[in-house]
């Protein structure tokens, strides 16, 4: 019914938000004092993904690093995570061309000269 992952915050947001563009709902973020209910019960009741820092016991018993957090995905969202993984390819050169203006490379060269 539920998949729970322990990942860094960037991947937690990507995994939890995988369904956002398909179904139009944002994941639930439990970033304050968190309990087991945030990780295990909330996704089941809300039918929505949840990312949470977890409580002290959960972090200790699962040996989480300070930079890791939990993300819980209900069964209905798993296909969106698979879709995200299948389609998440980045070509760094093409990405630079898309996000950098045409004059950026020239400006960088003139500073070096």
N, C-alpha and C. Protein backbone atom coordinates (compact mmCIF):
# COMPACT_ATOMS: atom_id res chain seq x y z
N UNK A 1 0.81 -1.21 0.00
CA UNK A 1 0.00 0.00 0.00
C UNK A 1 0.84 1.27 0.00
N UNK A 2 2.11 1.14 0.43
CA UNK A 2 2.93 2.33 0.65
C UNK A 2 4.39 2.00 0.44
N UNK A 3 5.12 2.89 -0.20
CA UNK A 3 6.57 2.75 -0.32
C UNK A 3 7.22 3.88 0.46
N UNK A 4 8.16 3.53 1.33
CA UNK A 4 8.87 4.53 2.12
C UNK A 4 10.33 4.51 1.71
N UNK A 5 10.88 5.67 1.40
CA UNK A 5 12.28 5.80 1.01
C UNK A 5 12.99 6.73 1.98
N UNK A 6 14.27 6.52 2.12
CA UNK A 6 15.12 7.44 2.88
C UNK A 6 16.11 8.01 1.88
N UNK A 7 16.02 9.31 1.65
CA UNK A 7 16.82 9.96 0.62
C UNK A 7 17.20 11.37 1.07
N UNK A 8 18.03 12.03 0.25
CA UNK A 8 18.38 13.42 0.54
C UNK A 8 17.18 14.31 0.20
N UNK A 9 17.16 15.54 0.72
CA UNK A 9 15.99 16.42 0.51
C UNK A 9 15.64 16.68 -0.95
N UNK A 10 16.63 16.83 -1.82
CA UNK A 10 16.33 17.08 -3.22
C UNK A 10 15.57 15.92 -3.83
N UNK A 11 16.02 14.72 -3.60
CA UNK A 11 15.33 13.56 -4.16
C UNK A 11 13.99 13.31 -3.48
N UNK A 12 13.90 13.65 -2.20
CA UNK A 12 12.61 13.53 -1.51
C UNK A 12 11.56 14.41 -2.19
N UNK A 13 11.94 15.62 -2.55
CA UNK A 13 11.00 16.51 -3.23
C UNK A 13 10.65 16.00 -4.62
N UNK A 14 11.63 15.45 -5.34
CA UNK A 14 11.36 14.93 -6.68
C UNK A 14 10.43 13.72 -6.60
N UNK A 15 10.70 12.81 -5.68
CA UNK A 15 9.88 11.61 -5.56
C UNK A 15 8.48 11.96 -5.08
N UNK A 16 8.42 12.77 -4.02
CA UNK A 16 7.11 13.13 -3.46
C UNK A 16 6.28 13.93 -4.47
N UNK A 17 6.94 14.74 -5.27
CA UNK A 17 6.22 15.58 -6.22
C UNK A 17 6.01 14.95 -7.59
N UNK A 18 6.40 13.69 -7.76
CA UNK A 18 6.29 13.05 -9.07
C UNK A 18 4.86 13.07 -9.61
N UNK A 19 3.88 12.97 -8.76
CA UNK A 19 2.49 12.94 -9.20
C UNK A 19 1.89 14.32 -9.42
N UNK A 20 2.57 15.36 -8.96
CA UNK A 20 2.00 16.71 -9.00
C UNK A 20 1.56 17.13 -10.39
N UNK A 21 2.40 16.92 -11.40
CA UNK A 21 2.05 17.37 -12.74
C UNK A 21 0.99 16.49 -13.39
N UNK A 22 0.78 15.30 -12.87
CA UNK A 22 -0.21 14.39 -13.45
C UNK A 22 -1.58 14.54 -12.82
N UNK A 23 -1.62 14.72 -11.50
CA UNK A 23 -2.92 14.77 -10.83
C UNK A 23 -3.24 16.13 -10.22
N UNK A 24 -2.26 17.05 -10.23
CA UNK A 24 -2.51 18.41 -9.79
C UNK A 24 -2.54 18.65 -8.30
N UNK A 25 -2.00 17.74 -7.51
CA UNK A 25 -1.92 17.97 -6.07
C UNK A 25 -0.46 17.98 -5.64
N UNK A 26 -0.15 18.85 -4.71
CA UNK A 26 1.21 18.92 -4.19
C UNK A 26 1.37 17.93 -3.05
N UNK A 27 2.59 17.40 -2.86
CA UNK A 27 2.81 16.48 -1.74
C UNK A 27 2.68 17.22 -0.42
N UNK A 28 2.48 16.45 0.63
CA UNK A 28 2.38 17.01 1.97
C UNK A 28 3.79 17.04 2.56
N UNK A 29 4.19 18.18 3.09
CA UNK A 29 5.51 18.30 3.72
C UNK A 29 5.37 18.41 5.21
N UNK A 30 5.90 17.45 5.92
CA UNK A 30 5.90 17.46 7.38
C UNK A 30 7.30 17.83 7.83
N UNK A 31 7.55 19.12 7.99
CA UNK A 31 8.90 19.55 8.32
C UNK A 31 9.06 20.00 9.76
N UNK A 32 7.99 19.99 10.52
CA UNK A 32 8.08 20.32 11.93
C UNK A 32 8.27 19.06 12.74
N UNK A 33 7.79 19.09 13.94
CA UNK A 33 7.86 17.88 14.77
C UNK A 33 7.05 16.79 14.08
N UNK A 34 7.70 15.70 13.75
CA UNK A 34 7.07 14.66 12.96
C UNK A 34 6.96 13.38 13.77
N UNK A 35 5.96 12.60 13.49
CA UNK A 35 5.76 11.33 14.18
C UNK A 35 5.58 10.24 13.13
N UNK A 36 5.51 9.01 13.60
CA UNK A 36 5.31 7.89 12.67
C UNK A 36 4.04 8.08 11.84
N UNK A 37 3.05 8.73 12.41
CA UNK A 37 1.80 8.94 11.68
C UNK A 37 2.03 9.76 10.42
N UNK A 38 2.97 10.70 10.46
CA UNK A 38 3.27 11.51 9.28
C UNK A 38 3.82 10.67 8.15
N UNK A 39 4.61 9.67 8.50
CA UNK A 39 5.29 8.87 7.48
C UNK A 39 4.42 7.70 7.00
N UNK A 40 3.70 7.07 7.91
CA UNK A 40 2.98 5.84 7.55
C UNK A 40 1.47 6.00 7.41
N UNK A 41 0.84 6.77 8.27
CA UNK A 41 -0.62 6.86 8.23
C UNK A 41 -1.12 7.97 7.30
N UNK A 42 -0.46 9.12 7.32
CA UNK A 42 -0.93 10.25 6.52
C UNK A 42 -1.02 9.93 5.03
N UNK A 43 -0.01 9.30 4.42
CA UNK A 43 -0.13 9.00 2.99
C UNK A 43 -1.29 8.05 2.68
N UNK A 44 -1.54 7.14 3.57
CA UNK A 44 -2.63 6.19 3.36
C UNK A 44 -3.98 6.89 3.47
N UNK A 45 -4.13 7.76 4.47
CA UNK A 45 -5.40 8.47 4.66
C UNK A 45 -5.64 9.55 3.61
N UNK A 46 -4.59 10.30 3.28
CA UNK A 46 -4.74 11.41 2.34
C UNK A 46 -4.63 10.97 0.89
N UNK A 47 -4.14 9.74 0.66
CA UNK A 47 -3.88 9.24 -0.70
C UNK A 47 -2.93 10.19 -1.43
N UNK A 48 -1.94 10.69 -0.69
CA UNK A 48 -0.99 11.64 -1.25
C UNK A 48 0.40 11.35 -0.68
N UNK A 49 1.43 11.71 -1.42
CA UNK A 49 2.80 11.52 -0.97
C UNK A 49 3.12 12.49 0.15
N UNK A 50 4.03 12.05 1.02
CA UNK A 50 4.44 12.86 2.17
C UNK A 50 5.96 12.79 2.29
N UNK A 51 6.59 13.95 2.53
CA UNK A 51 8.00 13.92 2.89
C UNK A 51 8.11 14.49 4.30
N UNK A 52 8.98 13.88 5.10
CA UNK A 52 9.06 14.25 6.51
C UNK A 52 10.48 14.02 7.03
N UNK A 53 10.85 14.81 8.01
CA UNK A 53 12.16 14.60 8.61
C UNK A 53 12.15 13.41 9.56
N UNK A 54 10.98 13.01 10.03
CA UNK A 54 10.86 11.88 10.94
C UNK A 54 11.07 12.31 12.39
N UNK A 55 10.68 11.45 13.29
CA UNK A 55 10.87 11.76 14.70
C UNK A 55 12.23 11.22 15.16
N UNK A 56 12.61 11.56 16.37
CA UNK A 56 13.92 11.15 16.91
C UNK A 56 14.12 9.66 16.88
N UNK A 57 13.13 8.90 17.32
CA UNK A 57 13.25 7.44 17.35
C UNK A 57 13.37 6.85 15.96
N UNK A 58 12.56 7.33 15.05
CA UNK A 58 12.61 6.84 13.67
C UNK A 58 13.94 7.14 13.01
N UNK A 59 14.47 8.31 13.28
CA UNK A 59 15.77 8.67 12.70
C UNK A 59 16.88 7.82 13.32
N UNK A 60 16.80 7.62 14.63
CA UNK A 60 17.84 6.86 15.33
C UNK A 60 17.81 5.39 14.91
N UNK A 61 16.64 4.76 14.95
CA UNK A 61 16.54 3.34 14.65
C UNK A 61 16.82 3.02 13.19
N UNK A 62 16.58 3.96 12.30
CA UNK A 62 16.87 3.76 10.89
C UNK A 62 18.24 4.30 10.50
N UNK A 63 18.95 4.83 11.48
CA UNK A 63 20.32 5.34 11.30
C UNK A 63 20.42 6.36 10.16
N UNK A 64 19.51 7.31 10.18
CA UNK A 64 19.54 8.35 9.15
C UNK A 64 20.67 9.33 9.41
N UNK A 65 21.30 9.77 8.33
CA UNK A 65 22.27 10.85 8.41
C UNK A 65 21.51 12.16 8.60
N UNK A 66 22.17 13.18 9.12
CA UNK A 66 21.48 14.47 9.27
C UNK A 66 20.93 15.03 7.96
N UNK A 67 21.51 14.63 6.84
CA UNK A 67 21.08 15.16 5.55
C UNK A 67 20.02 14.30 4.87
N UNK A 68 19.46 13.31 5.55
CA UNK A 68 18.46 12.43 4.95
C UNK A 68 17.08 12.66 5.55
N UNK A 69 16.07 12.31 4.78
CA UNK A 69 14.70 12.40 5.25
C UNK A 69 13.86 11.29 4.64
N UNK A 70 12.66 11.12 5.17
CA UNK A 70 11.73 10.09 4.70
C UNK A 70 10.83 10.67 3.61
N UNK A 71 10.46 9.83 2.67
CA UNK A 71 9.41 10.18 1.72
C UNK A 71 8.54 8.94 1.57
N UNK A 72 7.24 9.12 1.70
CA UNK A 72 6.28 8.01 1.61
C UNK A 72 5.37 8.23 0.42
N UNK A 73 5.24 7.18 -0.38
CA UNK A 73 4.45 7.27 -1.60
C UNK A 73 3.34 6.24 -1.56
N UNK A 74 2.08 6.66 -1.69
CA UNK A 74 1.00 5.67 -1.73
C UNK A 74 1.05 4.88 -3.04
N UNK A 75 0.50 3.71 -3.02
CA UNK A 75 0.51 2.82 -4.18
C UNK A 75 0.02 3.52 -5.45
N UNK A 76 -0.98 4.36 -5.32
CA UNK A 76 -1.54 5.03 -6.50
C UNK A 76 -0.56 5.99 -7.17
N UNK A 77 0.51 6.39 -6.46
CA UNK A 77 1.50 7.32 -7.03
C UNK A 77 2.74 6.62 -7.55
N UNK A 78 2.88 5.33 -7.32
CA UNK A 78 4.11 4.64 -7.71
C UNK A 78 4.37 4.73 -9.21
N UNK A 79 3.33 4.67 -10.02
CA UNK A 79 3.54 4.73 -11.47
C UNK A 79 4.15 6.06 -11.89
N UNK A 80 3.86 7.13 -11.15
CA UNK A 80 4.42 8.43 -11.48
C UNK A 80 5.91 8.50 -11.13
N UNK A 81 6.31 7.79 -10.10
CA UNK A 81 7.73 7.73 -9.74
C UNK A 81 8.49 6.98 -10.83
N UNK A 82 7.94 5.88 -11.30
CA UNK A 82 8.56 5.12 -12.39
C UNK A 82 8.65 6.00 -13.63
N UNK A 83 7.60 6.72 -13.92
CA UNK A 83 7.58 7.62 -15.08
C UNK A 83 8.66 8.70 -14.94
N UNK A 84 8.82 9.24 -13.75
CA UNK A 84 9.84 10.25 -13.49
C UNK A 84 11.23 9.68 -13.76
N UNK A 85 11.50 8.49 -13.28
CA UNK A 85 12.81 7.87 -13.47
C UNK A 85 13.06 7.58 -14.96
N UNK A 86 12.06 7.11 -15.65
CA UNK A 86 12.22 6.79 -17.07
C UNK A 86 12.48 8.03 -17.93
N UNK A 87 11.93 9.16 -17.52
CA UNK A 87 12.02 10.36 -18.34
C UNK A 87 12.97 11.43 -17.82
N UNK A 88 13.69 11.13 -16.77
CA UNK A 88 14.55 12.14 -16.15
C UNK A 88 15.98 11.98 -16.66
N UNK A 89 16.21 12.53 -17.84
CA UNK A 89 17.55 12.50 -18.43
C UNK A 89 17.98 13.94 -18.66
N UNK A 90 19.19 14.24 -18.22
CA UNK A 90 19.69 15.61 -18.39
C UNK A 90 20.97 15.57 -19.20
N UNK A 91 20.99 16.34 -20.27
CA UNK A 91 22.20 16.56 -21.05
C UNK A 91 22.73 17.92 -20.60
N UNK A 92 23.84 17.96 -19.87
CA UNK A 92 24.32 19.24 -19.32
C UNK A 92 24.51 20.33 -20.37
N UNK A 93 25.05 19.99 -21.53
CA UNK A 93 25.27 21.00 -22.57
C UNK A 93 23.95 21.58 -23.07
N UNK A 94 22.96 20.72 -23.32
CA UNK A 94 21.65 21.21 -23.77
C UNK A 94 20.96 22.03 -22.69
N UNK A 95 21.14 21.62 -21.42
CA UNK A 95 20.55 22.37 -20.32
C UNK A 95 21.13 23.78 -20.25
N UNK A 96 22.44 23.91 -20.42
CA UNK A 96 23.08 25.23 -20.41
C UNK A 96 22.54 26.09 -21.56
N UNK A 97 22.36 25.49 -22.73
CA UNK A 97 21.84 26.24 -23.87
C UNK A 97 20.43 26.75 -23.60
N UNK A 98 19.64 25.96 -22.88
CA UNK A 98 18.26 26.35 -22.59
C UNK A 98 18.20 27.44 -21.54
N UNK A 99 19.02 27.33 -20.49
CA UNK A 99 18.88 28.27 -19.38
C UNK A 99 19.79 29.48 -19.46
N UNK A 100 20.84 29.43 -20.27
CA UNK A 100 21.76 30.56 -20.35
C UNK A 100 21.46 31.38 -21.60
N UNK A 101 21.46 32.70 -21.48
CA UNK A 101 21.23 33.54 -22.66
C UNK A 101 22.40 33.41 -23.63
N UNK A 102 22.16 33.74 -24.87
CA UNK A 102 23.17 33.58 -25.92
C UNK A 102 24.44 34.37 -25.64
N UNK A 103 24.33 35.47 -24.90
CA UNK A 103 25.50 36.30 -24.65
C UNK A 103 26.31 35.83 -23.43
N UNK A 104 25.82 34.86 -22.67
CA UNK A 104 26.50 34.45 -21.44
C UNK A 104 27.89 33.89 -21.70
N UNK A 105 28.03 33.05 -22.69
CA UNK A 105 29.34 32.47 -22.99
C UNK A 105 30.32 33.56 -23.42
N UNK A 106 29.86 34.52 -24.22
CA UNK A 106 30.71 35.61 -24.67
C UNK A 106 31.14 36.50 -23.50
N UNK A 107 30.22 36.76 -22.57
CA UNK A 107 30.55 37.58 -21.42
C UNK A 107 31.60 36.89 -20.57
N UNK A 108 31.50 35.59 -20.41
CA UNK A 108 32.47 34.82 -19.63
C UNK A 108 33.84 34.89 -20.31
N UNK A 109 33.90 34.76 -21.63
CA UNK A 109 35.16 34.81 -22.35
C UNK A 109 35.81 36.17 -22.21
N UNK A 110 35.04 37.25 -22.29
CA UNK A 110 35.62 38.59 -22.20
C UNK A 110 36.19 38.86 -20.81
N UNK A 111 35.61 38.28 -19.77
CA UNK A 111 36.15 38.43 -18.42
C UNK A 111 37.49 37.71 -18.28
N UNK A 112 37.63 36.58 -18.98
CA UNK A 112 38.86 35.80 -18.89
C UNK A 112 40.00 36.46 -19.64
N UNK A 113 39.69 37.27 -20.64
CA UNK A 113 40.73 37.92 -21.47
C UNK A 113 41.28 39.12 -20.83
